[in-house]
Amino acid sequence: MTDQDTRRKSLDLWKEKVYAPFKEKRGERRERFSTTSGIDIDPVYTCVHAPEETSEARLGLPGSFPYTRGVYPTMYRGKFWTMRQYAGFGSAEETNKRFRYLLERGQTGLSVAFDLPTQMGYDSDHPMAVGEVGRVGVAIDSLDDLRTLLKDIPLQKVSTSMTINATAAILLAMYVSLAEENGVSLDQLAGTIQNDILKEYYARGTYIYPPAPSMRIITDIFAWCRENLPRWNTISISGYHIREAGSTAVQEIAFTLADAIEYIQAAIRVGMDVDDFAPRLSFFFCVHNNIFEEVAKFRAARRIYARIMKERFGARREKSCLLRFHTQTAGCSLTAQQMENNVVRVAMQALAAVLGGTQSLHTNSKDEALNLPSEEAVLTALRTQQLIAEESGACETIDPLGGSYFVENMTDEIEARTLALLARLEEMGGMTKAIESRFPQKEIERSAYAYQTGVENGEIVVVGVNKYQGSDTIKPATFSVDPEIERHYRKKLARLRSQRDNGKVERLLSALEKTARGTDNLLPVIIDAVKGDCTLGEISSALEKVFGRYDPGTTL
């Protein structure tokens, strides 16, 4: 009998002679204990749960393949994660004030939220923008708006993340143009554009063009940044919005990695070598309340991605195999009831992200279930990150939960389920084909329905909502966007169009259309258009004339 057999026998004996009788006498809180992904949780974990092959070769050490324990050798012993607070509301002037307020209080990177018209390719004076200007983010119509947004912020010192997809190339062109105006060398610019269009078709909805031309824009960005922006993350492949739409943790990383495979294949098809662009790919995940499942999710995602890059795509560079990711705490977990509870939820989620090895983190504000975050609430959210960094002890050693029987078993289980889902997507012909058949949409809808049903029947507890309600009342919203902002932007656009060289604008837009009909890289002509005072809406419209606007009623 092996040592493992002896340990297994000992565990079985404990279950039979100690655990089962006590459980029968005292009972347990519920019949089944499981994670949000439906993974059953045993009453206790021992070395019996650790597979024989679990070793340093399987886990790796920090900064070593397959990066289960972290992508860098020193992790937070070297430097903390980038602390970002996602911000953007109303006008560029107001948002600039919020950025500087946060930077003065210790934020180490910017994260820009754009309003829906900007995300959808409409200027603020377009009929489709009525009532939406500045509502869910800052409105950016022209290079002048970006000048205002980033006034007095040193672009060479602060990395900027922009949550923008369909119009990502235009916002990147504006950012590059502004840097050049300010005398900042492009090799000094650090930041990220989300630029992840696939998940928009099934989880979020801010697409403009059909998939084929959208993928062309993305690979053009890859190619241009390879030559011009060496420190820029060209895409942030986003599981966050997949999770916010209702997916499980397993679905989140499986669908995200499937999207990544599509982008990598698209770049290779246009002649790029994987090691030329893969080091600048980045990821964006959500983090929920179940600390151990979330930590295991991040560890499994790193391991799976490293093997995909090395074994499937033949990546030779170490940096090509690193799954570097930003994390945001779960917006869908925030409640309007007992708002102060959200501070605790966010702290738990942020701790899970840190224990899981994130490279960048945004912590939601306690009042976001009611309105845009107030200064007081956003400062508390930032201080949450700083408290974890400086006072919790979580950053003193690398991968502090590594070696836990529970966490290692959970990591293996999430990895196995993710690989099974990825294999299923491969059988369908890849993620684009799967989206075409509405597979991920249906899976997410099914998971979201199961979760909501669990909340409504009390199987899933949400403190202050379906348990421990108390007699408190929901506080009214205290922060809103001034409707005058829309008129302000309309006036700015009218002034821009009356003062610029409109003949030059027509020539620039014509050149953009011509390039879009051909095969040359789009970024240089988009940058020229931005510098020539073409608006975001005009540039997007010029591309739409060639590419068309995607109709969700049709297949991909």
Protein backbone atom coordinates (compact mmCIF):
# COMPACT_ATOMS: atom_id res chain seq x y z
CA MET A 1 0.00 0.00 0.00
CA THR A 2 1.40 3.40 -1.02
CA ASP A 3 1.58 6.43 1.24
CA GLN A 4 -1.23 7.99 -0.79
CA ASP A 5 -3.41 4.90 -0.28
CA THR A 6 -2.77 5.10 3.45
CA ARG A 7 -3.75 8.77 3.54
CA ARG A 8 -6.88 8.11 1.49
CA LYS A 9 -7.88 5.29 3.87
CA SER A 10 -7.34 7.61 6.83
CA LEU A 11 -9.53 10.29 5.25
CA ASP A 12 -12.27 7.78 4.43
CA LEU A 13 -12.18 6.53 8.00
CA TRP A 14 -12.52 10.10 9.35
CA LYS A 15 -15.52 10.70 7.09
CA GLU A 16 -17.18 7.48 8.26
CA LYS A 17 -16.37 7.52 11.97
CA VAL A 18 -16.13 11.24 12.81
CA TYR A 19 -17.65 13.47 10.18
CA ALA A 20 -20.77 11.49 9.20
CA PRO A 21 -22.04 10.82 12.76
CA PHE A 22 -21.50 14.45 13.79
CA LYS A 23 -23.21 15.66 10.62
CA GLU A 24 -26.17 13.34 11.24
CA LYS A 25 -26.50 14.62 14.80
CA ARG A 26 -25.97 18.34 14.22
CA GLY A 27 -26.77 18.71 10.52
CA GLU A 28 -25.20 21.20 8.10
CA ARG A 29 -26.34 24.56 6.76
CA ARG A 30 -27.36 23.11 3.41
CA GLU A 31 -27.38 19.88 1.43
CA ARG A 32 -24.80 20.95 -1.14
CA PHE A 33 -21.80 23.26 -0.96
CA SER A 34 -20.53 24.52 -4.31
CA THR A 35 -18.98 27.47 -6.10
CA THR A 36 -20.72 29.77 -8.57
CA SER A 37 -19.39 27.53 -11.36
CA GLY A 38 -21.13 24.53 -9.80
CA ILE A 39 -17.94 22.92 -8.47
CA ASP A 40 -18.75 20.83 -5.41
CA ILE A 41 -16.77 21.71 -2.28
CA ASP A 42 -15.71 18.85 -0.01
CA PRO A 43 -15.86 19.26 3.77
CA VAL A 44 -12.06 19.18 4.06
CA TYR A 45 -9.08 18.99 1.70
CA THR A 46 -5.92 17.01 2.38
CA CYS A 47 -2.94 15.75 0.39
CA VAL A 48 -5.29 13.07 -0.95
CA HIS A 49 -6.84 15.78 -3.11
CA ALA A 50 -3.47 16.77 -4.58
CA PRO A 51 -2.65 14.77 -7.71
CA GLU A 52 0.60 12.82 -7.69
CA GLU A 53 1.98 14.99 -10.48
CA THR A 54 1.53 18.23 -8.49
CA SER A 55 5.08 19.53 -8.24
CA GLU A 56 7.19 22.55 -9.04
CA ALA A 57 7.30 21.30 -12.65
CA ARG A 58 3.49 21.45 -12.79
CA LEU A 59 2.99 24.65 -10.84
CA GLY A 60 6.16 26.41 -11.82
CA LEU A 61 7.76 29.06 -9.67
CA PRO A 62 6.87 32.75 -9.95
CA GLY A 63 8.06 34.10 -13.29
CA SER A 64 8.62 30.57 -14.65
CA PHE A 65 6.56 28.47 -17.07
CA PRO A 66 3.63 27.72 -16.78
CA TYR A 67 3.27 30.81 -14.53
CA THR A 68 0.60 29.30 -12.26
CA ARG A 69 2.16 31.17 -9.34
CA GLY A 70 2.64 34.54 -11.07
CA VAL A 71 4.04 36.11 -14.20
CA TYR A 72 6.99 37.91 -12.56
CA PRO A 73 9.72 36.53 -10.27
CA THR A 74 9.24 39.19 -7.56
CA MET A 75 5.54 40.06 -8.03
CA TYR A 76 4.43 42.52 -5.29
CA ARG A 77 7.72 42.25 -3.41
CA GLY A 78 9.11 44.29 -6.30
CA LYS A 79 6.21 46.68 -6.92
CA PHE A 80 2.50 46.78 -6.25
CA TRP A 81 -0.08 46.35 -8.98
CA THR A 82 -1.15 49.47 -10.89
CA MET A 83 -3.96 51.08 -8.91
CA ARG A 84 -6.56 52.45 -11.30
CA GLN A 85 -9.98 53.92 -10.60
CA TYR A 86 -12.24 53.70 -13.64
CA ALA A 87 -13.53 57.24 -14.15
CA GLY A 88 -15.32 59.29 -16.75
CA PHE A 89 -18.50 61.30 -16.60
CA GLY A 90 -20.00 64.37 -18.17
CA SER A 91 -17.49 66.71 -19.73
CA ALA A 92 -13.77 66.33 -20.33
CA GLU A 93 -13.22 69.20 -17.89
CA GLU A 94 -15.01 67.44 -15.03
CA THR A 95 -13.33 64.14 -15.69
CA ASN A 96 -9.90 65.79 -15.76
CA LYS A 97 -10.60 67.12 -12.26
CA ARG A 98 -11.50 63.61 -11.07
CA PHE A 99 -8.31 62.17 -12.61
CA ARG A 100 -6.11 64.75 -10.90
CA TYR A 101 -7.99 64.28 -7.61
CA LEU A 102 -7.21 60.55 -7.70
CA LEU A 103 -3.60 60.93 -8.84
CA GLU A 104 -2.97 63.35 -5.98
CA ARG A 105 -4.24 60.69 -3.56
CA GLY A 106 -2.04 57.86 -4.74
CA GLN A 107 -3.68 56.39 -7.84
CA THR A 108 -0.91 55.09 -10.12
CA GLY A 109 -2.71 54.77 -13.47
CA LEU A 110 -5.68 56.23 -15.33
CA SER A 111 -8.69 54.23 -16.50
CA VAL A 112 -11.03 56.10 -18.83
CA ALA A 113 -14.76 55.45 -19.18
CA PHE A 114 -16.32 56.83 -22.36
CA ASP A 115 -19.97 57.67 -22.95
CA LEU A 116 -22.10 55.52 -25.26
CA PRO A 117 -22.01 57.88 -28.28
CA THR A 118 -18.20 57.85 -28.19
CA GLN A 119 -18.20 54.05 -27.91
CA MET A 120 -20.68 53.71 -30.78
CA GLY A 121 -19.00 56.13 -33.19
CA TYR A 122 -21.39 59.09 -32.87
CA ASP A 123 -20.49 62.72 -32.25
CA SER A 124 -22.35 64.47 -29.43
CA ASP A 125 -24.57 66.37 -31.89
CA HIS A 126 -25.74 63.22 -33.71
CA PRO A 127 -29.46 62.37 -33.31
CA MET A 128 -28.49 58.98 -31.83
CA ALA A 129 -26.56 60.77 -29.05
CA VAL A 130 -29.54 62.70 -27.66
CA GLY A 131 -29.84 62.13 -23.91
CA GLU A 132 -26.67 60.04 -23.73
CA VAL A 133 -23.86 62.60 -23.88
CA GLY A 134 -21.61 62.20 -20.84
CA ARG A 135 -24.02 59.82 -19.12
CA VAL A 136 -21.98 56.63 -18.63
CA GLY A 137 -18.57 58.13 -19.31
CA VAL A 138 -16.82 61.13 -20.77
CA ALA A 139 -17.71 62.40 -24.24
CA ILE A 140 -14.79 62.67 -26.70
CA ASP A 141 -15.62 64.11 -30.11
CA SER A 142 -12.27 65.48 -31.21
CA LEU A 143 -8.60 65.75 -30.38
CA ASP A 144 -9.38 68.99 -28.55
CA ASP A 145 -11.61 67.08 -26.12
CA LEU A 146 -8.75 64.69 -25.35
CA ARG A 147 -6.46 67.68 -24.79
CA THR A 148 -8.91 68.88 -22.16
CA LEU A 149 -9.36 65.44 -20.63
CA LEU A 150 -5.62 64.94 -20.08
CA LYS A 151 -4.60 68.52 -19.33
CA ASP A 152 -1.67 68.75 -16.89
CA ILE A 153 -1.27 64.96 -16.76
CA PRO A 154 2.24 63.74 -17.69
CA LEU A 155 1.62 61.07 -20.31
CA GLN A 156 5.20 59.82 -20.08
CA LYS A 157 4.76 59.04 -16.37
CA VAL A 158 1.18 57.75 -16.08
CA SER A 159 -0.14 54.69 -17.91
CA THR A 160 -3.63 55.11 -19.35
CA SER A 161 -6.22 52.38 -19.88
CA MET A 162 -9.11 53.17 -22.21
CA THR A 163 -12.24 51.03 -22.15
CA ILE A 164 -13.04 51.44 -25.82
CA ASN A 165 -13.65 48.86 -28.52
CA ALA A 166 -15.27 49.70 -31.86
CA THR A 167 -13.65 53.17 -31.94
CA ALA A 168 -10.42 52.08 -30.23
CA ALA A 169 -8.25 52.96 -33.23
CA ILE A 170 -9.59 56.53 -33.24
CA LEU A 171 -8.99 57.08 -29.51
CA LEU A 172 -5.51 55.58 -29.82
CA ALA A 173 -4.81 57.93 -32.73
CA MET A 174 -5.90 60.88 -30.57
CA TYR A 175 -3.71 59.75 -27.68
CA VAL A 176 -0.68 59.38 -29.95
CA SER A 177 -1.33 62.78 -31.54
CA LEU A 178 -1.61 64.44 -28.13
CA ALA A 179 1.64 62.85 -26.97
CA GLU A 180 3.44 64.15 -30.05
CA GLU A 181 2.01 67.62 -29.46
CA ASN A 182 3.37 67.53 -25.92
CA GLY A 183 6.81 66.39 -27.03
CA VAL A 184 6.43 62.94 -25.48
CA SER A 185 8.31 60.21 -27.32
CA LEU A 186 6.04 57.32 -28.36
CA ASP A 187 8.38 54.79 -26.78
CA GLN A 188 7.59 56.42 -23.42
CA LEU A 189 3.82 55.87 -23.70
CA ALA A 190 2.38 53.07 -21.60
CA GLY A 191 -1.23 52.01 -21.48
CA THR A 192 -3.96 49.82 -22.91
CA ILE A 193 -6.91 50.02 -25.25
CA GLN A 194 -9.57 47.39 -24.67
CA ASN A 195 -10.05 46.86 -28.42
CA ASP A 196 -11.84 43.52 -27.82
CA ILE A 197 -14.67 43.42 -30.33
CA LEU A 198 -15.65 39.74 -30.20
CA LYS A 199 -17.14 39.89 -26.71
CA GLU A 200 -19.18 42.94 -27.83
CA TYR A 201 -21.18 40.70 -30.16
CA TYR A 202 -22.32 38.40 -27.37
CA ALA A 203 -21.86 40.11 -23.98
CA ARG A 204 -21.91 43.89 -24.25
CA GLY A 205 -23.17 45.37 -27.54
CA THR A 206 -20.96 48.35 -28.41
CA TYR A 207 -20.01 47.13 -31.89
CA ILE A 208 -20.21 49.15 -35.11
CA TYR A 209 -18.77 47.21 -38.03
CA PRO A 210 -19.17 43.53 -38.93
CA PRO A 211 -16.59 41.07 -37.56
CA ALA A 212 -14.29 40.81 -40.60
CA PRO A 213 -13.45 44.52 -40.91
CA SER A 214 -13.41 44.83 -37.12
CA MET A 215 -10.75 42.13 -36.97
CA ARG A 216 -8.80 43.94 -39.69
CA ILE A 217 -8.74 47.12 -37.59
CA ILE A 218 -7.49 45.11 -34.62
CA THR A 219 -4.67 43.45 -36.54
CA ASP A 220 -3.75 46.83 -38.06
CA ILE A 221 -3.40 48.16 -34.50
CA PHE A 222 -1.22 45.16 -33.58
CA ALA A 223 1.07 45.82 -36.55
CA TRP A 224 1.31 49.59 -36.11
CA CYS A 225 1.97 49.43 -32.37
CA ARG A 226 4.67 46.78 -32.89
CA GLU A 227 6.63 49.37 -34.86
CA ASN A 228 5.66 52.54 -32.98
CA LEU A 229 4.36 51.90 -29.44
CA PRO A 230 6.58 49.25 -27.84
CA ARG A 231 5.12 49.68 -24.32
CA TRP A 232 1.46 49.81 -25.34
CA ASN A 233 -0.95 46.92 -24.70
CA THR A 234 -2.74 46.62 -28.03
CA ILE A 235 -5.75 44.75 -26.70
CA SER A 236 -7.32 43.89 -23.37
CA ILE A 237 -9.17 40.64 -23.99
CA SER A 238 -12.05 41.02 -21.65
CA GLY A 239 -13.75 38.44 -19.50
CA TYR A 240 -15.12 41.19 -17.26
CA HIS A 241 -18.17 41.93 -19.36
CA ILE A 242 -18.78 38.22 -19.92
CA ARG A 243 -18.96 37.74 -16.15
CA GLU A 244 -21.06 40.86 -15.65
CA ALA A 245 -23.52 39.48 -18.21
CA GLY A 246 -24.05 36.47 -15.94
CA SER A 247 -21.42 33.84 -16.75
CA THR A 248 -19.73 31.56 -14.26
CA ALA A 249 -16.02 31.81 -13.45
CA VAL A 250 -15.26 28.86 -15.75
CA GLN A 251 -17.24 30.36 -18.64
CA GLU A 252 -15.50 33.69 -18.08
CA ILE A 253 -12.00 32.37 -18.65
CA ALA A 254 -12.99 29.81 -21.31
CA PHE A 255 -14.78 32.37 -23.49
CA THR A 256 -12.04 34.94 -22.92
CA LEU A 257 -9.28 32.54 -23.92
CA ALA A 258 -11.33 31.42 -26.94
CA ASP A 259 -11.55 35.08 -28.02
CA ALA A 260 -7.78 35.37 -27.56
CA ILE A 261 -7.22 32.39 -29.84
CA GLU A 262 -9.31 34.07 -32.54
CA TYR A 263 -7.28 37.29 -32.33
CA ILE A 264 -3.98 35.42 -32.44
CA GLN A 265 -5.09 33.38 -35.45
CA ALA A 266 -6.26 36.54 -37.23
CA ALA A 267 -2.87 38.21 -36.71
CA ILE A 268 -1.01 35.14 -37.93
CA ARG A 269 -3.24 34.95 -41.04
CA VAL A 270 -2.15 38.46 -42.08
CA GLY A 271 1.49 37.46 -41.84
CA MET A 272 2.49 38.48 -38.32
CA ASP A 273 4.79 36.29 -36.24
CA VAL A 274 3.26 35.37 -32.89
CA ASP A 275 6.29 36.64 -30.97
CA ASP A 276 6.00 40.04 -32.65
CA PHE A 277 2.61 40.88 -31.13
CA ALA A 278 1.81 38.41 -28.33
CA PRO A 279 3.96 40.16 -25.67
CA ARG A 280 1.60 43.17 -25.83
CA LEU A 281 -1.64 41.21 -25.46
CA SER A 282 -3.32 41.76 -22.11
CA PHE A 283 -6.46 40.55 -20.36
CA PHE A 284 -9.24 41.97 -18.19
CA PHE A 285 -11.13 39.87 -15.66
CA CYS A 286 -13.88 40.31 -13.12
CA VAL A 287 -13.46 39.25 -9.50
CA HIS A 288 -16.39 38.10 -7.35
CA ASN A 289 -17.01 37.30 -3.71
CA ASN A 290 -15.89 33.66 -3.57
CA ILE A 291 -12.26 34.33 -2.71
CA PHE A 292 -10.94 30.81 -3.24
CA GLU A 293 -12.69 30.21 -6.56
CA GLU A 294 -11.46 33.56 -7.87
CA VAL A 295 -7.85 32.95 -6.83
CA ALA A 296 -7.97 29.50 -8.43
CA LYS A 297 -9.52 31.00 -11.59
CA PHE A 298 -6.63 33.41 -12.07
CA ARG A 299 -4.03 30.70 -11.42
CA ALA A 300 -5.70 28.29 -13.87
CA ALA A 301 -6.04 30.98 -16.54
CA ARG A 302 -2.31 31.73 -16.44
CA ARG A 303 -1.42 28.06 -16.76
CA ILE A 304 -3.82 27.36 -19.62
CA TYR A 305 -2.77 30.43 -21.59
CA ALA A 306 0.95 29.69 -21.23
CA ARG A 307 0.45 26.22 -22.66
CA ILE A 308 -1.77 27.46 -25.49
CA MET A 309 0.87 29.96 -26.52
CA LYS A 310 3.79 27.55 -26.30
CA GLU A 311 2.20 24.32 -27.53
CA ARG A 312 -0.41 25.54 -30.00
CA PHE A 313 1.14 28.70 -31.40
CA GLY A 314 4.80 27.85 -30.95
CA ALA A 315 5.68 31.03 -29.08
CA ARG A 316 9.40 31.22 -28.42
CA ARG A 317 9.59 34.37 -26.30
CA GLU A 318 8.82 34.10 -22.61
CA LYS A 319 6.82 37.33 -22.72
CA SER A 320 4.50 35.80 -25.34
CA CYS A 321 3.33 33.24 -22.79
CA LEU A 322 2.52 35.65 -19.96
CA LEU A 323 -1.14 36.21 -19.17
CA ARG A 324 -0.97 39.74 -17.74
CA PHE A 325 -4.33 41.04 -16.57
CA HIS A 326 -6.27 43.93 -15.12
CA THR A 327 -9.03 43.14 -12.64
CA GLN A 328 -12.17 45.03 -11.70
CA THR A 329 -14.37 44.18 -8.76
CA ALA A 330 -17.84 42.95 -9.65
CA GLY A 331 -20.28 45.73 -10.46
CA CYS A 332 -23.16 43.25 -10.55
CA SER A 333 -22.48 42.29 -6.92
CA LEU A 334 -23.17 45.81 -5.62
CA THR A 335 -26.52 46.42 -3.99
CA ALA A 336 -28.62 49.53 -3.55
CA GLN A 337 -29.83 48.09 -0.24
CA GLN A 338 -27.48 48.59 2.74
CA MET A 339 -24.98 50.41 0.56
CA GLU A 340 -22.19 50.26 3.17
CA ASN A 341 -22.05 46.47 2.68
CA ASN A 342 -20.54 47.18 -0.73
CA VAL A 343 -17.35 48.44 0.93
CA VAL A 344 -16.85 44.98 2.44
CA ARG A 345 -17.74 43.19 -0.81
CA VAL A 346 -15.22 45.27 -2.74
CA ALA A 347 -12.52 44.65 -0.11
CA MET A 348 -13.04 40.87 -0.31
CA GLN A 349 -12.96 40.94 -4.09
CA ALA A 350 -9.87 43.16 -4.21
CA LEU A 351 -8.06 40.84 -1.80
CA ALA A 352 -8.93 37.88 -4.05
CA ALA A 353 -7.50 39.72 -7.07
CA VAL A 354 -4.26 40.42 -5.19
CA LEU A 355 -3.98 36.86 -3.88
CA GLY A 356 -4.58 35.75 -7.47
CA GLY A 357 -1.71 37.87 -8.82
CA THR A 358 -3.33 40.71 -10.79
CA GLN A 359 -1.16 43.33 -12.53
CA SER A 360 -3.70 46.14 -12.31
CA LEU A 361 -6.84 46.70 -10.25
CA HIS A 362 -9.93 48.88 -10.14
CA THR A 363 -12.10 48.82 -7.03
CA ASN A 364 -15.75 49.83 -7.44
CA SER A 365 -17.27 52.51 -5.26
CA LYS A 366 -19.97 51.69 -2.72
CA ASP A 367 -22.59 53.95 -4.34
CA GLU A 368 -22.34 52.66 -7.93
CA ALA A 369 -25.60 50.70 -7.64
CA LEU A 370 -27.30 54.09 -7.30
CA ASN A 371 -25.35 56.62 -9.34
CA LEU A 372 -21.95 57.67 -10.63
CA PRO A 373 -19.45 57.45 -7.76
CA SER A 374 -19.01 60.43 -5.48
CA GLU A 375 -15.55 61.71 -4.53
CA GLU A 376 -15.95 60.33 -1.00
CA ALA A 377 -16.91 56.87 -2.27
CA VAL A 378 -14.19 56.67 -4.92
CA LEU A 379 -11.57 57.67 -2.34
CA THR A 380 -12.73 54.84 -0.06
CA ALA A 381 -12.41 52.45 -3.01
CA LEU A 382 -8.86 53.62 -3.71
CA ARG A 383 -7.93 53.45 -0.03
CA THR A 384 -9.16 49.82 -0.04
CA GLN A 385 -6.41 48.95 -2.50
CA GLN A 386 -3.83 50.88 -0.52
CA LEU A 387 -4.82 49.17 2.73
CA ILE A 388 -4.46 45.74 1.13
CA ALA A 389 -1.10 46.75 -0.31
CA GLU A 390 0.36 48.30 2.83
CA GLU A 391 -1.38 46.68 5.81
CA SER A 392 -2.79 43.23 5.01
CA GLY A 393 0.46 41.27 4.65
CA ALA A 394 -0.86 39.73 1.43
CA CYS A 395 2.03 41.20 -0.59
CA GLU A 396 4.93 39.98 1.54
CA THR A 397 5.22 36.60 -0.19
CA ILE A 398 4.32 35.45 -3.68
CA ASP A 399 1.18 33.36 -4.31
CA PRO A 400 0.42 33.02 -0.58
CA LEU A 401 -2.38 30.49 -1.13
CA GLY A 402 -0.20 28.29 -3.34
CA GLY A 403 0.12 24.80 -1.89
CA SER A 404 -3.25 24.97 -0.16
CA TYR A 405 -4.89 21.60 -0.78
CA PHE A 406 -8.19 23.39 -1.39
CA VAL A 407 -6.83 26.05 -3.75
CA GLU A 408 -4.65 23.63 -5.74
CA ASN A 409 -7.58 21.23 -6.14
CA MET A 410 -9.84 24.10 -7.19
CA THR A 411 -7.23 25.35 -9.66
CA ASP A 412 -7.03 21.89 -11.24
CA GLU A 413 -10.82 21.56 -11.37
CA ILE A 414 -11.31 24.96 -13.00
CA GLU A 415 -8.52 24.17 -15.47
CA ALA A 416 -10.14 20.85 -16.42
CA ARG A 417 -13.59 22.39 -16.90
CA THR A 418 -12.17 25.30 -18.88
CA LEU A 419 -10.24 22.99 -21.20
CA ALA A 420 -13.39 20.92 -21.75
CA LEU A 421 -15.35 24.05 -22.72
CA LEU A 422 -12.52 25.23 -25.00
CA ALA A 423 -12.53 21.81 -26.70
CA ARG A 424 -16.27 22.15 -27.27
CA LEU A 425 -15.76 25.57 -28.85
CA GLU A 426 -13.05 24.14 -31.09
CA GLU A 427 -15.46 21.44 -32.27
CA MET A 428 -17.83 24.24 -33.33
CA GLY A 429 -15.08 25.79 -35.44
CA GLY A 430 -13.84 28.39 -32.97
CA MET A 431 -15.35 31.31 -31.10
CA THR A 432 -16.63 33.22 -34.13
CA LYS A 433 -18.61 30.19 -35.29
CA ALA A 434 -19.85 29.62 -31.75
CA ILE A 435 -21.07 33.22 -31.51
CA GLU A 436 -22.79 32.75 -34.88
CA SER A 437 -24.79 29.88 -33.41
CA ARG A 438 -25.42 31.93 -30.23
CA PHE A 439 -23.71 29.28 -28.07
CA PRO A 440 -21.93 31.62 -25.62
CA GLN A 441 -25.00 33.87 -25.45
CA LYS A 442 -27.21 30.93 -24.47
CA GLU A 443 -24.69 29.60 -21.95
CA ILE A 444 -24.38 32.99 -20.27
CA GLU A 445 -28.16 33.44 -20.23
CA ARG A 446 -28.57 30.01 -18.64
CA SER A 447 -26.01 30.79 -15.93
CA ALA A 448 -27.49 34.22 -15.25
CA TYR A 449 -30.97 32.71 -14.92
CA ALA A 450 -29.73 30.01 -12.54
CA TYR A 451 -28.02 32.61 -10.35
CA GLN A 452 -31.05 34.88 -10.20
CA THR A 453 -33.31 31.95 -9.42
CA GLY A 454 -30.96 30.99 -6.60
CA VAL A 455 -31.17 34.51 -5.15
CA GLU A 456 -34.95 34.60 -5.42
CA ASN A 457 -35.47 31.22 -3.72
CA GLY A 458 -32.90 31.99 -1.05
CA GLU A 459 -30.34 29.33 -2.01
CA ILE A 460 -27.85 32.10 -2.77
CA VAL A 461 -27.63 34.67 0.01
CA VAL A 462 -27.17 38.36 -0.77
CA VAL A 463 -26.83 40.14 2.56
CA GLY A 464 -29.27 43.01 2.88
CA VAL A 465 -31.31 41.85 -0.11
CA ASN A 466 -32.75 38.42 0.66
CA LYS A 467 -31.36 37.95 4.18
CA TYR A 468 -30.62 40.30 7.08
CA GLN A 469 -32.68 42.99 5.40
CA GLY A 470 -33.36 45.14 8.45
CA SER A 471 -35.52 48.25 8.21
CA ASP A 472 -33.13 50.52 6.32
CA THR A 473 -34.27 52.40 3.24
CA ILE A 474 -32.45 52.83 -0.06
CA LYS A 475 -30.66 56.15 -0.16
CA PRO A 476 -31.51 58.43 -3.08
CA ALA A 477 -28.99 59.08 -5.83
CA THR A 478 -26.73 62.00 -4.99
CA PHE A 479 -24.59 62.44 -8.09
CA SER A 480 -25.82 63.07 -11.62
CA VAL A 481 -24.68 64.48 -14.96
CA ASP A 482 -25.78 68.03 -15.79
CA PRO A 483 -27.96 68.02 -18.96
CA GLU A 484 -26.28 71.28 -19.92
CA ILE A 485 -23.20 69.23 -20.88
CA GLU A 486 -24.87 68.05 -24.09
CA ARG A 487 -25.48 71.64 -25.18
CA HIS A 488 -21.88 72.48 -24.25
CA TYR A 489 -20.59 69.75 -26.55
CA ARG A 490 -22.89 70.74 -29.40
CA LYS A 491 -21.54 74.29 -29.23
CA LYS A 492 -17.95 73.03 -29.22
CA LEU A 493 -18.59 70.92 -32.31
CA ALA A 494 -20.28 73.80 -34.12
CA ARG A 495 -17.30 76.03 -33.33
CA LEU A 496 -14.80 73.38 -34.48
CA ARG A 497 -16.58 72.86 -37.79
CA SER A 498 -16.78 76.60 -38.47
CA GLN A 499 -13.10 77.27 -37.72
CA ARG A 500 -11.32 74.28 -39.28
CA ASP A 501 -10.26 73.77 -42.92
CA ASN A 502 -13.27 71.79 -44.13
CA GLY A 503 -11.73 71.19 -47.53
CA LYS A 504 -8.81 69.47 -45.85
CA VAL A 505 -11.23 67.46 -43.71
CA GLU A 506 -12.98 66.16 -46.85
CA ARG A 507 -9.66 65.16 -48.38
CA LEU A 508 -8.56 63.36 -45.22
CA LEU A 509 -11.84 61.45 -44.94
CA SER A 510 -11.66 60.55 -48.63
CA ALA A 511 -8.13 59.19 -48.09
CA LEU A 512 -9.41 57.16 -45.15
CA GLU A 513 -12.20 55.63 -47.26
CA LYS A 514 -9.71 54.77 -50.00
CA THR A 515 -7.40 53.06 -47.50
CA ALA A 516 -10.30 51.15 -45.99
CA ARG A 517 -11.15 49.77 -49.46
CA GLY A 518 -7.57 48.58 -49.86
CA THR A 519 -5.20 46.63 -47.67
CA ASP A 520 -2.82 49.27 -46.26
CA ASN A 521 -2.68 49.84 -42.51
CA LEU A 522 -5.46 52.17 -41.34
CA LEU A 523 -3.67 53.72 -38.35
CA PRO A 524 -1.52 56.28 -40.23
CA VAL A 525 -4.53 57.73 -42.09
CA ILE A 526 -6.67 57.76 -38.93
CA ILE A 527 -3.89 59.67 -37.14
CA ASP A 528 -3.75 62.15 -40.05
CA ALA A 529 -7.54 62.60 -39.84
CA VAL A 530 -7.42 63.22 -36.10
CA LYS A 531 -4.65 65.79 -36.47
CA GLY A 532 -6.66 67.47 -39.26
CA ASP A 533 -9.61 68.10 -36.90
CA CYS A 534 -11.84 65.34 -38.23
CA THR A 535 -14.23 64.26 -35.48
CA LEU A 536 -14.63 60.78 -34.08
CA GLY A 537 -18.08 60.53 -35.62
CA GLU A 538 -16.83 61.61 -39.05
CA ILE A 539 -13.97 59.11 -39.01
CA SER A 540 -16.27 56.31 -37.87
CA SER A 541 -18.81 57.23 -40.54
CA ALA A 542 -16.14 57.15 -43.25
CA LEU A 543 -15.19 53.62 -42.20
CA GLU A 544 -18.86 52.62 -42.01
CA LYS A 545 -19.37 53.66 -45.63
CA VAL A 546 -16.86 50.99 -46.60
CA PHE A 547 -17.39 48.34 -43.92
CA GLY A 548 -21.11 48.74 -43.19
CA ARG A 549 -22.78 48.61 -39.77
CA TYR A 550 -23.29 45.22 -38.19
CA ASP A 551 -26.90 44.09 -37.86
CA PRO A 552 -27.34 41.72 -34.89
CA GLY A 553 -30.34 40.22 -36.69
CA THR A 554 -27.99 38.66 -39.23
CA THR A 555 -25.36 35.99 -38.75
CA LEU A 556 -21.71 36.85 -38.30
